[in-house]
Amino acid sequence: MKKVAGLAAVLALVSLNGWSEEIDYDKRNMHIFCASHLSMISEMLDENGDQQQALTMLSNRHRKEARKLGATETHFEDVSAYLRKTRNNNEPKWNRLTSQSKRVCLPNS
């Protein structure tokens, strides 16, 4: 009986710490990709222009959502490094990622 009570206490503690909640990794990864890609695109635009400000705002929104799902700074750094490398070395793949970003990351018009 003590084992059952101990297990119940551990499960209650886990539940309070949020460990029992499953993370939707697909959703988290989508937000990481969007935050990173939109940030990179906004850096390529005229500074303080309307488009840059809008993309920066959307990037920040995706970043916030990704962090709620457990994303770390390392996740963002890794994706940003991959995107930079792709942009510099593989234009067709960069164009495909940009098209995907338009479909997935931007609000529907």
PDB file of N, CA and C in Angstrom:
ATOM      1  N   MET A   1       0.819  -1.198   0.000  1.00  0.00           N
ATOM      2  CA  MET A   1       0.000   0.000   0.000  1.00  0.00           C
ATOM      3  C   MET A   1       0.863   1.262   0.000  1.00  0.00           C
ATOM      4  N   LYS A   2       2.036   1.183   0.697  1.00  0.00           N
ATOM      5  CA  LYS A   2       2.924   2.342   0.716  1.00  0.00           C
ATOM      6  C   LYS A   2       3.446   2.655  -0.677  1.00  0.00           C
ATOM      7  N   LYS A   3       3.693   1.621  -1.498  1.00  0.00           N
ATOM      8  CA  LYS A   3       4.192   1.839  -2.858  1.00  0.00           C
ATOM      9  C   LYS A   3       3.169   2.592  -3.690  1.00  0.00           C
ATOM     10  N   VAL A   4       1.901   2.239  -3.532  1.00  0.00           N
ATOM     11  CA  VAL A   4       0.831   2.903  -4.283  1.00  0.00           C
ATOM     12  C   VAL A   4       0.720   4.366  -3.859  1.00  0.00           C
ATOM     13  N   ALA A   5       0.797   4.629  -2.549  1.00  0.00           N
ATOM     14  CA  ALA A   5       0.719   6.002  -2.060  1.00  0.00           C
ATOM     15  C   ALA A   5       1.922   6.806  -2.551  1.00  0.00           C
ATOM     16  N   GLY A   6       3.099   6.192  -2.536  1.00  0.00           N
ATOM     17  CA  GLY A   6       4.308   6.865  -3.017  1.00  0.00           C
ATOM     18  C   GLY A   6       4.218   7.179  -4.493  1.00  0.00           C
ATOM     19  N   LEU A   7       3.694   6.226  -5.273  1.00  0.00           N
ATOM     20  CA  LEU A   7       3.527   6.440  -6.713  1.00  0.00           C
ATOM     21  C   LEU A   7       2.535   7.561  -6.970  1.00  0.00           C
ATOM     22  N   ALA A   8       1.464   7.588  -6.205  1.00  0.00           N
ATOM     23  CA  ALA A   8       0.469   8.650  -6.364  1.00  0.00           C
ATOM     24  C   ALA A   8       1.080  10.012  -6.066  1.00  0.00           C
ATOM     25  N   ALA A   9       1.941  10.073  -5.051  1.00  0.00           N
ATOM     26  CA  ALA A   9       2.593  11.337  -4.711  1.00  0.00           C
ATOM     27  C   ALA A   9       3.524  11.783  -5.834  1.00  0.00           C
ATOM     28  N   VAL A  10       4.276  10.840  -6.412  1.00  0.00           N
ATOM     29  CA  VAL A  10       5.170  11.171  -7.514  1.00  0.00           C
ATOM     30  C   VAL A  10       4.375  11.646  -8.717  1.00  0.00           C
ATOM     31  N   LEU A  11       3.295  10.957  -9.040  1.00  0.00           N
ATOM     32  CA  LEU A  11       2.466  11.361 -10.174  1.00  0.00           C
ATOM     33  C   LEU A  11       1.851  12.736  -9.952  1.00  0.00           C
ATOM     34  N   ALA A  12       1.454  13.034  -8.720  1.00  0.00           N
ATOM     35  CA  ALA A  12       0.898  14.353  -8.424  1.00  0.00           C
ATOM     36  C   ALA A  12       1.965  15.426  -8.606  1.00  0.00           C
ATOM     37  N   LEU A  13       3.186  15.131  -8.150  1.00  0.00           N
ATOM     38  CA  LEU A  13       4.279  16.081  -8.309  1.00  0.00           C
ATOM     39  C   LEU A  13       4.598  16.302  -9.782  1.00  0.00           C
ATOM     40  N   VAL A  14       4.642  15.229 -10.551  1.00  0.00           N
ATOM     41  CA  VAL A  14       4.903  15.332 -11.983  1.00  0.00           C
ATOM     42  C   VAL A  14       3.832  16.169 -12.652  1.00  0.00           C
ATOM     43  N   SER A  15       2.598  15.943 -12.287  1.00  0.00           N
ATOM     44  CA  SER A  15       1.484  16.694 -12.874  1.00  0.00           C
ATOM     45  C   SER A  15       1.603  18.180 -12.542  1.00  0.00           C
ATOM     46  N   LEU A  16       1.986  18.504 -11.307  1.00  0.00           N
ATOM     47  CA  LEU A  16       2.134  19.898 -10.912  1.00  0.00           C
ATOM     48  C   LEU A  16       3.265  20.573 -11.665  1.00  0.00           C
ATOM     49  N   ASN A  17       4.315  19.832 -11.975  1.00  0.00           N
ATOM     50  CA  ASN A  17       5.442  20.402 -12.693  1.00  0.00           C
ATOM     51  C   ASN A  17       5.214  20.449 -14.192  1.00  0.00           C
ATOM     52  N   GLY A  18       4.120  19.898 -14.693  1.00  0.00           N
ATOM     53  CA  GLY A  18       3.815  19.953 -16.109  1.00  0.00           C
ATOM     54  C   GLY A  18       4.477  18.853 -16.913  1.00  0.00           C
ATOM     55  N   TRP A  19       5.137  17.917 -16.263  1.00  0.00           N
ATOM     56  CA  TRP A  19       5.815  16.849 -16.980  1.00  0.00           C
ATOM     57  C   TRP A  19       4.840  15.908 -17.637  1.00  0.00           C
ATOM     58  N   SER A  20       3.628  15.858 -17.132  1.00  0.00           N
ATOM     59  CA  SER A  20       2.666  14.917 -17.679  1.00  0.00           C
ATOM     60  C   SER A  20       2.050  15.419 -18.988  1.00  0.00           C
ATOM     61  N   GLU A  21       2.209  16.716 -19.268  1.00  0.00           N
ATOM     62  CA  GLU A  21       1.669  17.258 -20.506  1.00  0.00           C
ATOM     63  C   GLU A  21       2.575  16.871 -21.673  1.00  0.00           C
ATOM     64  N   GLU A  22       1.977  16.378 -22.715  1.00  0.00           N
ATOM     65  CA  GLU A  22       2.768  16.032 -23.890  1.00  0.00           C
ATOM     66  C   GLU A  22       2.984  17.278 -24.729  1.00  0.00           C
ATOM     67  N   ILE A  23       4.173  17.374 -25.272  1.00  0.00           N
ATOM     68  CA  ILE A  23       4.515  18.503 -26.138  1.00  0.00           C
ATOM     69  C   ILE A  23       4.243  18.096 -27.575  1.00  0.00           C
ATOM     70  N   ASP A  24       3.591  18.956 -28.293  1.00  0.00           N
ATOM     71  CA  ASP A  24       3.366  18.741 -29.719  1.00  0.00           C
ATOM     72  C   ASP A  24       4.622  19.223 -30.448  1.00  0.00           C
ATOM     73  N   TYR A  25       5.545  18.273 -30.686  1.00  0.00           N
ATOM     74  CA  TYR A  25       6.832  18.627 -31.277  1.00  0.00           C
ATOM     75  C   TYR A  25       6.688  19.157 -32.700  1.00  0.00           C
ATOM     76  N   ASP A  26       5.720  18.680 -33.438  1.00  0.00           N
ATOM     77  CA  ASP A  26       5.505  19.204 -34.791  1.00  0.00           C
ATOM     78  C   ASP A  26       5.146  20.687 -34.732  1.00  0.00           C
ATOM     79  N   LYS A  27       4.267  21.022 -33.805  1.00  0.00           N
ATOM     80  CA  LYS A  27       3.851  22.417 -33.653  1.00  0.00           C
ATOM     81  C   LYS A  27       5.021  23.269 -33.149  1.00  0.00           C
ATOM     82  N   ARG A  28       5.768  22.735 -32.165  1.00  0.00           N
ATOM     83  CA  ARG A  28       6.924  23.459 -31.650  1.00  0.00           C
ATOM     84  C   ARG A  28       7.940  23.717 -32.764  1.00  0.00           C
ATOM     85  N   ASN A  29       8.240  22.677 -33.538  1.00  0.00           N
ATOM     86  CA  ASN A  29       9.232  22.806 -34.610  1.00  0.00           C
ATOM     87  C   ASN A  29       8.770  23.763 -35.700  1.00  0.00           C
ATOM     88  N   MET A  30       7.480  23.763 -35.980  1.00  0.00           N
ATOM     89  CA  MET A  30       6.938  24.701 -36.956  1.00  0.00           C
ATOM     90  C   MET A  30       7.144  26.136 -36.470  1.00  0.00           C
ATOM     91  N   HIS A  31       6.880  26.382 -35.190  1.00  0.00           N
ATOM     92  CA  HIS A  31       7.072  27.730 -34.640  1.00  0.00           C
ATOM     93  C   HIS A  31       8.547  28.122 -34.642  1.00  0.00           C
ATOM     94  N   ILE A  32       9.451  27.171 -34.347  1.00  0.00           N
ATOM     95  CA  ILE A  32      10.888  27.463 -34.394  1.00  0.00           C
ATOM     96  C   ILE A  32      11.294  27.835 -35.814  1.00  0.00           C
ATOM     97  N   PHE A  33      10.854  27.037 -36.793  1.00  0.00           N
ATOM     98  CA  PHE A  33      11.166  27.327 -38.194  1.00  0.00           C
ATOM     99  C   PHE A  33      10.637  28.705 -38.582  1.00  0.00           C
ATOM    100  N   CYS A  34       9.383  28.974 -38.257  1.00  0.00           N
ATOM    101  CA  CYS A  34       8.779  30.248 -38.650  1.00  0.00           C
ATOM    102  C   CYS A  34       9.501  31.429 -38.004  1.00  0.00           C
ATOM    103  N   ALA A  35       9.770  31.334 -36.717  1.00  0.00           N
ATOM    104  CA  ALA A  35      10.466  32.424 -36.031  1.00  0.00           C
ATOM    105  C   ALA A  35      11.818  32.680 -36.670  1.00  0.00           C
ATOM    106  N   SER A  36      12.541  31.617 -36.961  1.00  0.00           N
ATOM    107  CA  SER A  36      13.886  31.750 -37.524  1.00  0.00           C
ATOM    108  C   SER A  36      13.853  32.275 -38.956  1.00  0.00           C
ATOM    109  N   HIS A  37      12.983  31.722 -39.777  1.00  0.00           N
ATOM    110  CA  HIS A  37      12.929  32.126 -41.180  1.00  0.00           C
ATOM    111  C   HIS A  37      12.424  33.559 -41.327  1.00  0.00           C
ATOM    112  N   LEU A  38      11.360  33.887 -40.618  1.00  0.00           N
ATOM    113  CA  LEU A  38      10.819  35.246 -40.722  1.00  0.00           C
ATOM    114  C   LEU A  38      11.816  36.276 -40.205  1.00  0.00           C
ATOM    115  N   SER A  39      12.559  35.934 -39.177  1.00  0.00           N
ATOM    116  CA  SER A  39      13.587  36.834 -38.665  1.00  0.00           C
ATOM    117  C   SER A  39      14.663  37.063 -39.716  1.00  0.00           C
ATOM    118  N   MET A  40      15.070  35.996 -40.376  1.00  0.00           N
ATOM    119  CA  MET A  40      16.101  36.103 -41.405  1.00  0.00           C
ATOM    120  C   MET A  40      15.614  36.957 -42.580  1.00  0.00           C
ATOM    121  N   ILE A  41      14.377  36.744 -42.987  1.00  0.00           N
ATOM    122  CA  ILE A  41      13.806  37.525 -44.097  1.00  0.00           C
ATOM    123  C   ILE A  41      13.711  38.999 -43.698  1.00  0.00           C
ATOM    124  N   SER A  42      13.270  39.254 -42.460  1.00  0.00           N
ATOM    125  CA  SER A  42      13.123  40.651 -42.037  1.00  0.00           C
ATOM    126  C   SER A  42      14.464  41.372 -42.021  1.00  0.00           C
ATOM    127  N   GLU A  43      15.552  40.647 -41.723  1.00  0.00           N
ATOM    128  CA  GLU A  43      16.884  41.260 -41.726  1.00  0.00           C
ATOM    129  C   GLU A  43      17.318  41.663 -43.127  1.00  0.00           C
ATOM    130  N   MET A  44      16.739  41.054 -44.145  1.00  0.00           N
ATOM    131  CA  MET A  44      17.106  41.336 -45.530  1.00  0.00           C
ATOM    132  C   MET A  44      16.343  42.536 -46.102  1.00  0.00           C
ATOM    133  N   LEU A  45      15.346  43.017 -45.377  1.00  0.00           N
ATOM    134  CA  LEU A  45      14.517  44.121 -45.855  1.00  0.00           C
ATOM    135  C   LEU A  45      15.049  45.457 -45.362  1.00  0.00           C
ATOM    136  N   ASP A  46      14.494  46.540 -45.927  1.00  0.00           N
ATOM    137  CA  ASP A  46      14.872  47.884 -45.489  1.00  0.00           C
ATOM    138  C   ASP A  46      14.580  48.039 -44.001  1.00  0.00           C
ATOM    139  N   GLU A  47      15.571  48.588 -43.300  1.00  0.00           N
ATOM    140  CA  GLU A  47      15.430  48.753 -41.858  1.00  0.00           C
ATOM    141  C   GLU A  47      14.273  49.691 -41.537  1.00  0.00           C
ATOM    142  N   ASN A  48      13.478  49.300 -40.557  1.00  0.00           N
ATOM    143  CA  ASN A  48      12.338  50.075 -40.054  1.00  0.00           C
ATOM    144  C   ASN A  48      11.218  50.265 -41.067  1.00  0.00           C
ATOM    145  N   GLY A  49      11.212  49.481 -42.132  1.00  0.00           N
ATOM    146  CA  GLY A  49      10.097  49.523 -43.075  1.00  0.00           C
ATOM    147  C   GLY A  49       8.907  48.760 -42.514  1.00  0.00           C
ATOM    148  N   ASP A  50       7.746  49.000 -43.103  1.00  0.00           N
ATOM    149  CA  ASP A  50       6.533  48.334 -42.623  1.00  0.00           C
ATOM    150  C   ASP A  50       6.638  46.813 -42.730  1.00  0.00           C
ATOM    151  N   GLN A  51       7.180  46.326 -43.847  1.00  0.00           N
ATOM    152  CA  GLN A  51       7.305  44.872 -44.023  1.00  0.00           C
ATOM    153  C   GLN A  51       8.253  44.273 -42.988  1.00  0.00           C
ATOM    154  N   GLN A  52       9.365  44.948 -42.743  1.00  0.00           N
ATOM    155  CA  GLN A  52      10.311  44.444 -41.754  1.00  0.00           C
ATOM    156  C   GLN A  52       9.669  44.395 -40.376  1.00  0.00           C
ATOM    157  N   GLN A  53       8.966  45.420 -40.003  1.00  0.00           N
ATOM    158  CA  GLN A  53       8.320  45.466 -38.697  1.00  0.00           C
ATOM    159  C   GLN A  53       7.260  44.372 -38.563  1.00  0.00           C
ATOM    160  N   ALA A  54       6.497  44.164 -39.627  1.00  0.00           N
ATOM    161  CA  ALA A  54       5.461  43.130 -39.592  1.00  0.00           C
ATOM    162  C   ALA A  54       6.080  41.735 -39.460  1.00  0.00           C
ATOM    163  N   LEU A  55       7.138  41.465 -40.232  1.00  0.00           N
ATOM    164  CA  LEU A  55       7.789  40.152 -40.153  1.00  0.00           C
ATOM    165  C   LEU A  55       8.466  39.946 -38.808  1.00  0.00           C
ATOM    166  N   THR A  56       9.048  40.995 -38.266  1.00  0.00           N
ATOM    167  CA  THR A  56       9.668  40.898 -36.938  1.00  0.00           C
ATOM    168  C   THR A  56       8.613  40.587 -35.885  1.00  0.00           C
ATOM    169  N   MET A  57       7.469  41.241 -35.976  1.00  0.00           N
ATOM    170  CA  MET A  57       6.384  40.985 -35.034  1.00  0.00           C
ATOM    171  C   MET A  57       5.906  39.533 -35.142  1.00  0.00           C
ATOM    172  N   LEU A  58       5.724  39.044 -36.374  1.00  0.00           N
ATOM    173  CA  LEU A  58       5.292  37.652 -36.559  1.00  0.00           C
ATOM    174  C   LEU A  58       6.357  36.676 -36.070  1.00  0.00           C
ATOM    175  N   SER A  59       7.612  36.976 -36.336  1.00  0.00           N
ATOM    176  CA  SER A  59       8.702  36.128 -35.866  1.00  0.00           C
ATOM    177  C   SER A  59       8.675  36.039 -34.339  1.00  0.00           C
ATOM    178  N   ASN A  60       8.507  37.177 -33.683  1.00  0.00           N
ATOM    179  CA  ASN A  60       8.451  37.190 -32.216  1.00  0.00           C
ATOM    180  C   ASN A  60       7.266  36.403 -31.679  1.00  0.00           C
ATOM    181  N   ARG A  61       6.155  36.473 -32.377  1.00  0.00           N
ATOM    182  CA  ARG A  61       4.966  35.722 -31.963  1.00  0.00           C
ATOM    183  C   ARG A  61       5.226  34.210 -32.065  1.00  0.00           C
ATOM    184  N   HIS A  62       5.848  33.785 -33.171  1.00  0.00           N
ATOM    185  CA  HIS A  62       6.181  32.364 -33.322  1.00  0.00           C
ATOM    186  C   HIS A  62       7.212  31.939 -32.276  1.00  0.00           C
ATOM    187  N   ARG A  63       8.175  32.793 -31.994  1.00  0.00           N
ATOM    188  CA  ARG A  63       9.196  32.488 -30.985  1.00  0.00           C
ATOM    189  C   ARG A  63       8.548  32.268 -29.615  1.00  0.00           C
ATOM    190  N   LYS A  64       7.621  33.135 -29.274  1.00  0.00           N
ATOM    191  CA  LYS A  64       6.926  33.023 -27.987  1.00  0.00           C
ATOM    192  C   LYS A  64       6.159  31.705 -27.896  1.00  0.00           C
ATOM    193  N   GLU A  65       5.460  31.345 -28.960  1.00  0.00           N
ATOM    194  CA  GLU A  65       4.706  30.094 -28.972  1.00  0.00           C
ATOM    195  C   GLU A  65       5.638  28.880 -28.881  1.00  0.00           C
ATOM    196  N   ALA A  66       6.770  28.937 -29.575  1.00  0.00           N
ATOM    197  CA  ALA A  66       7.735  27.835 -29.521  1.00  0.00           C
ATOM    198  C   ALA A  66       8.285  27.671 -28.108  1.00  0.00           C
ATOM    199  N   ARG A  67       8.557  28.779 -27.452  1.00  0.00           N
ATOM    200  CA  ARG A  67       9.079  28.706 -26.075  1.00  0.00           C
ATOM    201  C   ARG A  67       8.054  28.113 -25.125  1.00  0.00           C
ATOM    202  N   LYS A  68       6.793  28.416 -25.344  1.00  0.00           N
ATOM    203  CA  LYS A  68       5.734  27.808 -24.518  1.00  0.00           C
ATOM    204  C   LYS A  68       5.753  26.287 -24.664  1.00  0.00           C
ATOM    205  N   LEU A  69       6.215  25.814 -25.818  1.00  0.00           N
ATOM    206  CA  LEU A  69       6.257  24.373 -26.095  1.00  0.00           C
ATOM    207  C   LEU A  69       7.637  23.780 -25.816  1.00  0.00           C
ATOM    208  N   GLY A  70       8.480  24.516 -25.109  1.00  0.00           N
ATOM    209  CA  GLY A  70       9.748  23.976 -24.656  1.00  0.00           C
ATOM    210  C   GLY A  70      10.959  24.270 -25.517  1.00  0.00           C
ATOM    211  N   ALA A  71      10.829  25.128 -26.497  1.00  0.00           N
ATOM    212  CA  ALA A  71      11.977  25.451 -27.350  1.00  0.00           C
ATOM    213  C   ALA A  71      13.017  26.232 -26.549  1.00  0.00           C
ATOM    214  N   THR A  72      14.274  25.939 -26.832  1.00  0.00           N
ATOM    215  CA  THR A  72      15.381  26.632 -26.181  1.00  0.00           C
ATOM    216  C   THR A  72      16.099  27.512 -27.199  1.00  0.00           C
ATOM    217  N   GLU A  73      16.991  28.349 -26.706  1.00  0.00           N
ATOM    218  CA  GLU A  73      17.762  29.211 -27.600  1.00  0.00           C
ATOM    219  C   GLU A  73      18.598  28.371 -28.567  1.00  0.00           C
ATOM    220  N   THR A  74      19.055  27.221 -28.108  1.00  0.00           N
ATOM    221  CA  THR A  74      19.831  26.323 -28.968  1.00  0.00           C
ATOM    222  C   THR A  74      19.010  25.865 -30.165  1.00  0.00           C
ATOM    223  N   HIS A  75      17.721  25.588 -29.970  1.00  0.00           N
ATOM    224  CA  HIS A  75      16.855  25.204 -31.085  1.00  0.00           C
ATOM    225  C   HIS A  75      16.847  26.302 -32.154  1.00  0.00           C
ATOM    226  N   PHE A  76      16.649  27.547 -31.707  1.00  0.00           N
ATOM    227  CA  PHE A  76      16.596  28.666 -32.645  1.00  0.00           C
ATOM    228  C   PHE A  76      17.940  28.873 -33.336  1.00  0.00           C
ATOM    229  N   GLU A  77      19.016  28.752 -32.591  1.00  0.00           N
ATOM    230  CA  GLU A  77      20.359  28.925 -33.171  1.00  0.00           C
ATOM    231  C   GLU A  77      20.643  27.858 -34.220  1.00  0.00           C
ATOM    232  N   ASP A  78      20.292  26.610 -33.923  1.00  0.00           N
ATOM    233  CA  ASP A  78      20.533  25.516 -34.864  1.00  0.00           C
ATOM    234  C   ASP A  78      19.756  25.710 -36.165  1.00  0.00           C
ATOM    235  N   VAL A  79      18.491  26.085 -36.041  1.00  0.00           N
ATOM    236  CA  VAL A  79      17.658  26.279 -37.236  1.00  0.00           C
ATOM    237  C   VAL A  79      18.150  27.487 -38.023  1.00  0.00           C
ATOM    238  N   SER A  80      18.504  28.548 -37.339  1.00  0.00           N
ATOM    239  CA  SER A  80      19.015  29.737 -38.029  1.00  0.00           C
ATOM    240  C   SER A  80      20.312  29.431 -38.775  1.00  0.00           C
ATOM    241  N   ALA A  81      21.191  28.664 -38.155  1.00  0.00           N
ATOM    242  CA  ALA A  81      22.448  28.288 -38.821  1.00  0.00           C
ATOM    243  C   ALA A  81      22.164  27.458 -40.068  1.00  0.00           C
ATOM    244  N   TYR A  82      21.222  26.523 -39.955  1.00  0.00           N
ATOM    245  CA  TYR A  82      20.839  25.698 -41.109  1.00  0.00           C
ATOM    246  C   TYR A  82      20.266  26.565 -42.228  1.00  0.00           C
ATOM    247  N   LEU A  83      19.399  27.505 -41.857  1.00  0.00           N
ATOM    248  CA  LEU A  83      18.789  28.377 -42.862  1.00  0.00           C
ATOM    249  C   LEU A  83      19.831  29.259 -43.543  1.00  0.00           C
ATOM    250  N   ARG A  84      20.769  29.810 -42.775  1.00  0.00           N
ATOM    251  CA  ARG A  84      21.835  30.627 -43.374  1.00  0.00           C
ATOM    252  C   ARG A  84      22.667  29.805 -44.351  1.00  0.00           C
ATOM    253  N   LYS A  85      23.021  28.612 -43.933  1.00  0.00           N
ATOM    254  CA  LYS A  85      23.827  27.740 -44.794  1.00  0.00           C
ATOM    255  C   LYS A  85      23.064  27.409 -46.084  1.00  0.00           C
ATOM    256  N   THR A  86      21.790  27.112 -45.942  1.00  0.00           N
ATOM    257  CA  THR A  86      20.965  26.792 -47.108  1.00  0.00           C
ATOM    258  C   THR A  86      20.839  28.003 -48.028  1.00  0.00           C
ATOM    259  N   ARG A  87      20.585  29.160 -47.458  1.00  0.00           N
ATOM    260  CA  ARG A  87      20.455  30.378 -48.272  1.00  0.00           C
ATOM    261  C   ARG A  87      21.737  30.656 -49.060  1.00  0.00           C
ATOM    262  N   ASN A  88      22.869  30.421 -48.428  1.00  0.00           N
ATOM    263  CA  ASN A  88      24.155  30.728 -49.068  1.00  0.00           C
ATOM    264  C   ASN A  88      24.631  29.659 -50.045  1.00  0.00           C
ATOM    265  N   ASN A  89      24.143  28.425 -49.901  1.00  0.00           N
ATOM    266  CA  ASN A  89      24.716  27.317 -50.677  1.00  0.00           C
ATOM    267  C   ASN A  89      23.749  26.533 -51.554  1.00  0.00           C
ATOM    268  N   ASN A  90      22.440  26.738 -51.372  1.00  0.00           N
ATOM    269  CA  ASN A  90      21.489  25.919 -52.111  1.00  0.00           C
ATOM    270  C   ASN A  90      20.229  26.740 -52.406  1.00  0.00           C
ATOM    271  N   GLU A  91      20.308  27.532 -53.459  1.00  0.00           N
ATOM    272  CA  GLU A  91      19.211  28.444 -53.791  1.00  0.00           C
ATOM    273  C   GLU A  91      17.875  27.730 -54.021  1.00  0.00           C
ATOM    274  N   PRO A  92      17.837  26.601 -54.760  1.00  0.00           N
ATOM    275  CA  PRO A  92      16.545  25.929 -54.937  1.00  0.00           C
ATOM    276  C   PRO A  92      15.911  25.489 -53.608  1.00  0.00           C
ATOM    277  N   LYS A  93      16.724  24.963 -52.715  1.00  0.00           N
ATOM    278  CA  LYS A  93      16.191  24.546 -51.415  1.00  0.00           C
ATOM    279  C   LYS A  93      15.748  25.763 -50.612  1.00  0.00           C
ATOM    280  N   TRP A  94      16.513  26.844 -50.645  1.00  0.00           N
ATOM    281  CA  TRP A  94      16.127  28.076 -49.961  1.00  0.00           C
ATOM    282  C   TRP A  94      14.778  28.571 -50.487  1.00  0.00           C
ATOM    283  N   ASN A  95      14.593  28.529 -51.804  1.00  0.00           N
ATOM    284  CA  ASN A  95      13.322  28.959 -52.395  1.00  0.00           C
ATOM    285  C   ASN A  95      12.166  28.074 -51.937  1.00  0.00           C
ATOM    286  N   ARG A  96      12.406  26.766 -51.828  1.00  0.00           N
ATOM    287  CA  ARG A  96      11.353  25.857 -51.333  1.00  0.00           C
ATOM    288  C   ARG A  96      11.015  26.168 -49.874  1.00  0.00           C
ATOM    289  N   LEU A  97      12.032  26.424 -49.062  1.00  0.00           N
ATOM    290  CA  LEU A  97      11.790  26.767 -47.656  1.00  0.00           C
ATOM    291  C   LEU A  97      11.039  28.091 -47.537  1.00  0.00           C
ATOM    292  N   THR A  98      11.358  29.027 -48.400  1.00  0.00           N
ATOM    293  CA  THR A  98      10.666  30.314 -48.388  1.00  0.00           C
ATOM    294  C   THR A  98       9.202  30.141 -48.783  1.00  0.00           C
ATOM    295  N   SER A  99       8.945  29.304 -49.775  1.00  0.00           N
ATOM    296  CA  SER A  99       7.553  29.023 -50.165  1.00  0.00           C
ATOM    297  C   SER A  99       6.800  28.353 -49.019  1.00  0.00           C
ATOM    298  N   GLN A 100       7.466  27.421 -48.367  1.00  0.00           N
ATOM    299  CA  GLN A 100       6.840  26.747 -47.221  1.00  0.00           C
ATOM    300  C   GLN A 100       6.551  27.753 -46.113  1.00  0.00           C
ATOM    301  N   SER A 101       7.469  28.665 -45.880  1.00  0.00           N
ATOM    302  CA  SER A 101       7.276  29.679 -44.860  1.00  0.00           C
ATOM    303  C   SER A 101       6.053  30.550 -45.171  1.00  0.00           C
ATOM    304  N   LYS A 102       5.900  30.922 -46.442  1.00  0.00           N
ATOM    305  CA  LYS A 102       4.739  31.733 -46.821  1.00  0.00           C
ATOM    306  C   LYS A 102       3.436  31.003 -46.530  1.00  0.00           C
ATOM    307  N   ARG A 103       3.419  29.679 -46.802  1.00  0.00           N
ATOM    308  CA  ARG A 103       2.205  28.887 -46.575  1.00  0.00           C
ATOM    309  C   ARG A 103       1.917  28.676 -45.089  1.00  0.00           C
ATOM    310  N   VAL A 104       2.969  28.411 -44.314  1.00  0.00           N
ATOM    311  CA  VAL A 104       2.799  27.945 -42.948  1.00  0.00           C
ATOM    312  C   VAL A 104       2.872  29.075 -41.908  1.00  0.00           C
ATOM    313  N   CYS A 105       3.715  30.053 -42.150  1.00  0.00           N
ATOM    314  CA  CYS A 105       4.047  31.031 -41.115  1.00  0.00           C
ATOM    315  C   CYS A 105       3.240  32.321 -41.148  1.00  0.00           C
ATOM    316  N   LEU A 106       2.773  32.678 -42.324  1.00  0.00           N
ATOM    317  CA  LEU A 106       2.056  33.945 -42.453  1.00  0.00           C
ATOM    318  C   LEU A 106       0.567  33.752 -42.230  1.00  0.00           C
ATOM    319  N   PRO A 107      -0.080  34.739 -41.605  1.00  0.00           N
ATOM    320  CA  PRO A 107      -1.527  34.612 -41.408  1.00  0.00           C
ATOM    321  C   PRO A 107      -2.252  34.576 -42.756  1.00  0.00           C
ATOM    322  N   ASN A 108      -3.362  33.881 -42.771  1.00  0.00           N
ATOM    323  CA  ASN A 108      -4.161  33.807 -44.005  1.00  0.00           C
ATOM    324  C   ASN A 108      -4.734  35.182 -44.316  1.00  0.00           C
ATOM    325  N   SER A 109      -4.714  35.512 -45.603  1.00  0.00           N
ATOM    326  CA  SER A 109      -5.265  36.809 -45.996  1.00  0.00           C
ATOM    327  C   SER A 109      -6.708  36.687 -46.359  1.00  0.00           C
TER     328      SER A 109
END
